[in-house]
């Protein structure tokens, strides 16, 4: 299981750079890497976190090269 951070871009900053503010995360449950993993996660993040149709372009996700893995629950942990 992999957690991917979702950011909102702020284009109104006075520096001329786009500032990224973390607003949440989406979890990737696929065990194997596929061709369109990044694109599908971005589509899901935009569906969950965009406030309106214009805000869709302001939603970005973390770079797939930077991976954060969450520990998976094994059968011996926290069971019944």
N, C-alpha and C. Protein backbone atom coordinates (compact mmCIF):
# COMPACT_ATOMS: atom_id res chain seq x y z
N UNK A 1 0.85 -1.16 0.00
CA UNK A 1 0.00 0.00 0.00
C UNK A 1 0.90 1.23 0.00
N UNK A 2 0.57 2.20 -0.83
CA UNK A 2 1.41 3.39 -0.96
C UNK A 2 0.55 4.62 -0.78
N UNK A 3 0.99 5.57 0.04
CA UNK A 3 0.29 6.83 0.23
C UNK A 3 0.92 7.88 -0.69
N UNK A 4 0.07 8.58 -1.43
CA UNK A 4 0.53 9.63 -2.34
C UNK A 4 -0.08 10.94 -1.87
N UNK A 5 0.75 11.93 -1.59
CA UNK A 5 0.28 13.21 -1.10
C UNK A 5 -0.36 14.02 -2.21
N UNK A 6 -1.48 14.67 -1.88
CA UNK A 6 -2.21 15.52 -2.82
C UNK A 6 -1.96 16.97 -2.42
N UNK A 7 -1.64 17.81 -3.42
CA UNK A 7 -1.33 19.22 -3.18
C UNK A 7 -2.27 20.12 -3.97
N UNK A 8 -2.50 21.31 -3.44
CA UNK A 8 -3.20 22.36 -4.18
C UNK A 8 -2.16 23.42 -4.54
N UNK A 9 -2.11 23.79 -5.81
CA UNK A 9 -1.18 24.82 -6.26
C UNK A 9 -1.74 26.20 -5.97
N UNK A 10 -0.90 27.08 -5.48
CA UNK A 10 -1.28 28.47 -5.24
C UNK A 10 -0.56 29.33 -6.26
N UNK A 11 -1.28 29.85 -7.23
CA UNK A 11 -0.66 30.67 -8.27
C UNK A 11 -0.73 32.16 -7.93
N UNK A 12 -1.28 32.50 -6.78
CA UNK A 12 -1.39 33.91 -6.39
C UNK A 12 -0.24 34.39 -5.53
N UNK A 13 0.80 33.61 -5.43
CA UNK A 13 1.92 34.02 -4.59
C UNK A 13 2.69 35.16 -5.26
N UNK A 14 3.30 35.99 -4.46
CA UNK A 14 4.00 37.17 -4.97
C UNK A 14 5.39 36.87 -5.50
N UNK A 15 5.86 35.66 -5.29
CA UNK A 15 7.21 35.31 -5.71
C UNK A 15 7.28 34.90 -7.17
N UNK A 16 6.15 34.60 -7.78
CA UNK A 16 6.14 34.16 -9.16
C UNK A 16 6.24 32.66 -9.30
N UNK A 17 6.49 31.96 -8.19
CA UNK A 17 6.55 30.51 -8.19
C UNK A 17 5.21 29.95 -7.71
N UNK A 18 4.93 28.73 -8.12
CA UNK A 18 3.73 28.06 -7.62
C UNK A 18 4.04 27.40 -6.30
N UNK A 19 3.30 27.76 -5.27
CA UNK A 19 3.47 27.13 -3.96
C UNK A 19 2.54 25.92 -3.89
N UNK A 20 3.04 24.82 -3.31
CA UNK A 20 2.24 23.61 -3.15
C UNK A 20 1.87 23.45 -1.69
N UNK A 21 0.58 23.32 -1.41
CA UNK A 21 0.09 23.12 -0.06
C UNK A 21 -0.56 21.75 0.04
N UNK A 22 -0.09 20.88 0.95
CA UNK A 22 -0.69 19.54 1.07
C UNK A 22 -2.11 19.63 1.60
N UNK A 23 -3.03 18.94 0.95
CA UNK A 23 -4.43 18.97 1.36
C UNK A 23 -4.98 17.58 1.69
N UNK A 24 -4.21 16.54 1.43
CA UNK A 24 -4.67 15.19 1.73
C UNK A 24 -3.78 14.14 1.11
N UNK A 25 -4.30 12.94 1.04
CA UNK A 25 -3.56 11.82 0.46
C UNK A 25 -4.53 10.83 -0.16
N UNK A 26 -4.05 10.12 -1.16
CA UNK A 26 -4.79 9.00 -1.74
C UNK A 26 -3.92 7.76 -1.57
N UNK A 27 -4.56 6.62 -1.42
CA UNK A 27 -3.84 5.38 -1.22
C UNK A 27 -3.89 4.55 -2.49
N UNK A 28 -2.73 4.07 -2.87
CA UNK A 28 -2.64 3.17 -4.01
C UNK A 28 -2.60 1.74 -3.48
N UNK A 29 -3.59 0.96 -3.87
CA UNK A 29 -3.69 -0.39 -3.36
C UNK A 29 -3.17 -1.43 -4.34
N UNK A 30 -2.74 -1.01 -5.51
CA UNK A 30 -2.21 -1.95 -6.50
C UNK A 30 -0.87 -2.48 -6.04
N UNK A 31 -0.67 -3.77 -6.19
CA UNK A 31 0.59 -4.37 -5.75
C UNK A 31 1.66 -4.28 -6.83
N UNK A 32 1.25 -4.19 -8.09
CA UNK A 32 2.21 -4.16 -9.19
C UNK A 32 2.10 -2.84 -9.94
N UNK A 33 3.22 -2.34 -10.40
CA UNK A 33 3.26 -1.09 -11.16
C UNK A 33 2.67 -1.32 -12.54
N UNK A 34 1.79 -0.42 -12.93
CA UNK A 34 1.20 -0.47 -14.26
C UNK A 34 1.55 0.80 -15.01
N UNK A 35 1.20 0.86 -16.26
CA UNK A 35 1.59 1.99 -17.10
C UNK A 35 0.93 3.29 -16.64
N UNK A 36 -0.33 3.24 -16.26
CA UNK A 36 -1.06 4.47 -15.98
C UNK A 36 -1.39 4.67 -14.50
N UNK A 37 -0.60 4.14 -13.58
CA UNK A 37 -0.85 4.32 -12.15
C UNK A 37 -0.90 5.79 -11.77
N UNK A 38 0.08 6.56 -12.20
CA UNK A 38 0.17 7.97 -11.82
C UNK A 38 -1.03 8.74 -12.36
N UNK A 39 -1.41 8.48 -13.59
CA UNK A 39 -2.53 9.18 -14.20
C UNK A 39 -3.85 8.84 -13.50
N UNK A 40 -4.04 7.58 -13.13
CA UNK A 40 -5.27 7.17 -12.45
C UNK A 40 -5.34 7.75 -11.03
N UNK A 41 -4.20 7.81 -10.33
CA UNK A 41 -4.20 8.42 -9.00
C UNK A 41 -4.48 9.91 -9.07
N UNK A 42 -3.95 10.59 -10.09
CA UNK A 42 -4.22 12.01 -10.26
C UNK A 42 -5.70 12.23 -10.57
N UNK A 43 -6.28 11.39 -11.39
CA UNK A 43 -7.71 11.51 -11.71
C UNK A 43 -8.55 11.32 -10.45
N UNK A 44 -8.21 10.33 -9.61
CA UNK A 44 -8.95 10.10 -8.39
C UNK A 44 -8.79 11.26 -7.40
N UNK A 45 -7.57 11.79 -7.29
CA UNK A 45 -7.33 12.92 -6.39
C UNK A 45 -8.10 14.16 -6.84
N UNK A 46 -8.15 14.41 -8.13
CA UNK A 46 -8.90 15.56 -8.63
C UNK A 46 -10.39 15.38 -8.39
N UNK A 47 -10.89 14.16 -8.51
CA UNK A 47 -12.30 13.90 -8.26
C UNK A 47 -12.64 14.11 -6.79
N UNK A 48 -11.72 13.76 -5.89
CA UNK A 48 -11.99 13.87 -4.45
C UNK A 48 -11.78 15.28 -3.89
N UNK A 49 -10.75 15.99 -4.38
CA UNK A 49 -10.33 17.22 -3.72
C UNK A 49 -10.64 18.51 -4.48
N UNK A 50 -11.06 18.43 -5.72
CA UNK A 50 -11.36 19.67 -6.47
C UNK A 50 -12.67 20.26 -5.97
N UNK A 51 -12.68 21.56 -5.76
CA UNK A 51 -13.88 22.23 -5.27
C UNK A 51 -14.87 22.52 -6.39
N UNK A 52 -14.36 22.80 -7.58
CA UNK A 52 -15.21 23.05 -8.74
C UNK A 52 -14.43 22.67 -10.00
N UNK A 53 -15.05 22.88 -11.15
CA UNK A 53 -14.41 22.48 -12.41
C UNK A 53 -13.14 23.27 -12.68
N UNK A 54 -13.11 24.53 -12.28
CA UNK A 54 -11.92 25.35 -12.50
C UNK A 54 -10.78 24.96 -11.55
N UNK A 55 -11.10 24.40 -10.42
CA UNK A 55 -10.08 24.03 -9.45
C UNK A 55 -9.39 22.71 -9.75
N UNK A 56 -9.85 22.01 -10.77
CA UNK A 56 -9.27 20.72 -11.11
C UNK A 56 -7.81 20.86 -11.51
N UNK A 57 -7.47 21.90 -12.23
CA UNK A 57 -6.10 22.07 -12.71
C UNK A 57 -5.14 22.45 -11.58
N UNK A 58 -5.67 22.86 -10.42
CA UNK A 58 -4.81 23.24 -9.30
C UNK A 58 -4.45 22.05 -8.41
N UNK A 59 -5.02 20.89 -8.67
CA UNK A 59 -4.75 19.70 -7.87
C UNK A 59 -3.63 18.89 -8.53
N UNK A 60 -2.56 18.63 -7.79
CA UNK A 60 -1.45 17.81 -8.28
C UNK A 60 -1.13 16.77 -7.21
N UNK A 61 -0.43 15.72 -7.61
CA UNK A 61 -0.02 14.70 -6.65
C UNK A 61 1.50 14.63 -6.61
N UNK A 62 2.00 13.96 -5.61
CA UNK A 62 3.43 13.83 -5.39
C UNK A 62 4.10 13.08 -6.54
N UNK A 63 5.36 13.34 -6.72
CA UNK A 63 6.15 12.68 -7.76
C UNK A 63 6.21 11.18 -7.49
N UNK A 64 5.94 10.33 -8.50
CA UNK A 64 5.95 8.89 -8.25
C UNK A 64 7.33 8.34 -7.89
N UNK A 65 8.38 9.09 -8.14
CA UNK A 65 9.72 8.62 -7.78
C UNK A 65 9.93 8.65 -6.26
N UNK A 66 9.23 9.58 -5.58
CA UNK A 66 9.31 9.67 -4.13
C UNK A 66 8.20 8.80 -3.55
N UNK A 67 8.55 7.68 -3.00
CA UNK A 67 7.55 6.72 -2.55
C UNK A 67 7.48 6.69 -1.03
N UNK A 68 6.27 6.66 -0.52
CA UNK A 68 6.02 6.48 0.89
C UNK A 68 5.16 5.25 1.06
N UNK A 69 5.69 4.25 1.72
CA UNK A 69 4.96 3.00 1.91
C UNK A 69 4.39 2.96 3.31
N UNK A 70 3.15 2.55 3.41
CA UNK A 70 2.52 2.34 4.70
C UNK A 70 2.65 0.87 5.06
N UNK A 71 2.82 0.57 6.34
CA UNK A 71 2.95 -0.83 6.73
C UNK A 71 1.62 -1.55 6.51
N UNK A 72 1.70 -2.72 5.91
CA UNK A 72 0.49 -3.51 5.69
C UNK A 72 0.22 -4.33 6.94
N UNK A 73 -1.03 -4.54 7.20
CA UNK A 73 -1.42 -5.29 8.38
C UNK A 73 -1.28 -6.79 8.10
N UNK A 74 -0.52 -7.47 8.92
CA UNK A 74 -0.37 -8.91 8.73
C UNK A 74 -1.45 -9.62 9.57
N UNK A 75 -1.55 -10.90 9.40
CA UNK A 75 -2.59 -11.65 10.09
C UNK A 75 -2.38 -11.67 11.61
N UNK A 76 -1.15 -11.53 12.06
CA UNK A 76 -0.87 -11.57 13.50
C UNK A 76 -1.10 -10.26 14.22
N UNK A 77 -1.28 -9.16 13.52
CA UNK A 77 -1.41 -7.85 14.16
C UNK A 77 -2.88 -7.47 14.29
N UNK A 78 -3.27 -7.02 15.43
CA UNK A 78 -4.56 -6.41 15.67
C UNK A 78 -5.75 -7.19 15.14
N UNK A 79 -5.66 -8.44 15.13
CA UNK A 79 -6.70 -9.29 14.56
C UNK A 79 -8.01 -9.21 15.33
N UNK A 80 -8.60 -10.30 15.52
CA UNK A 80 -9.94 -10.40 16.09
C UNK A 80 -9.99 -10.14 17.53
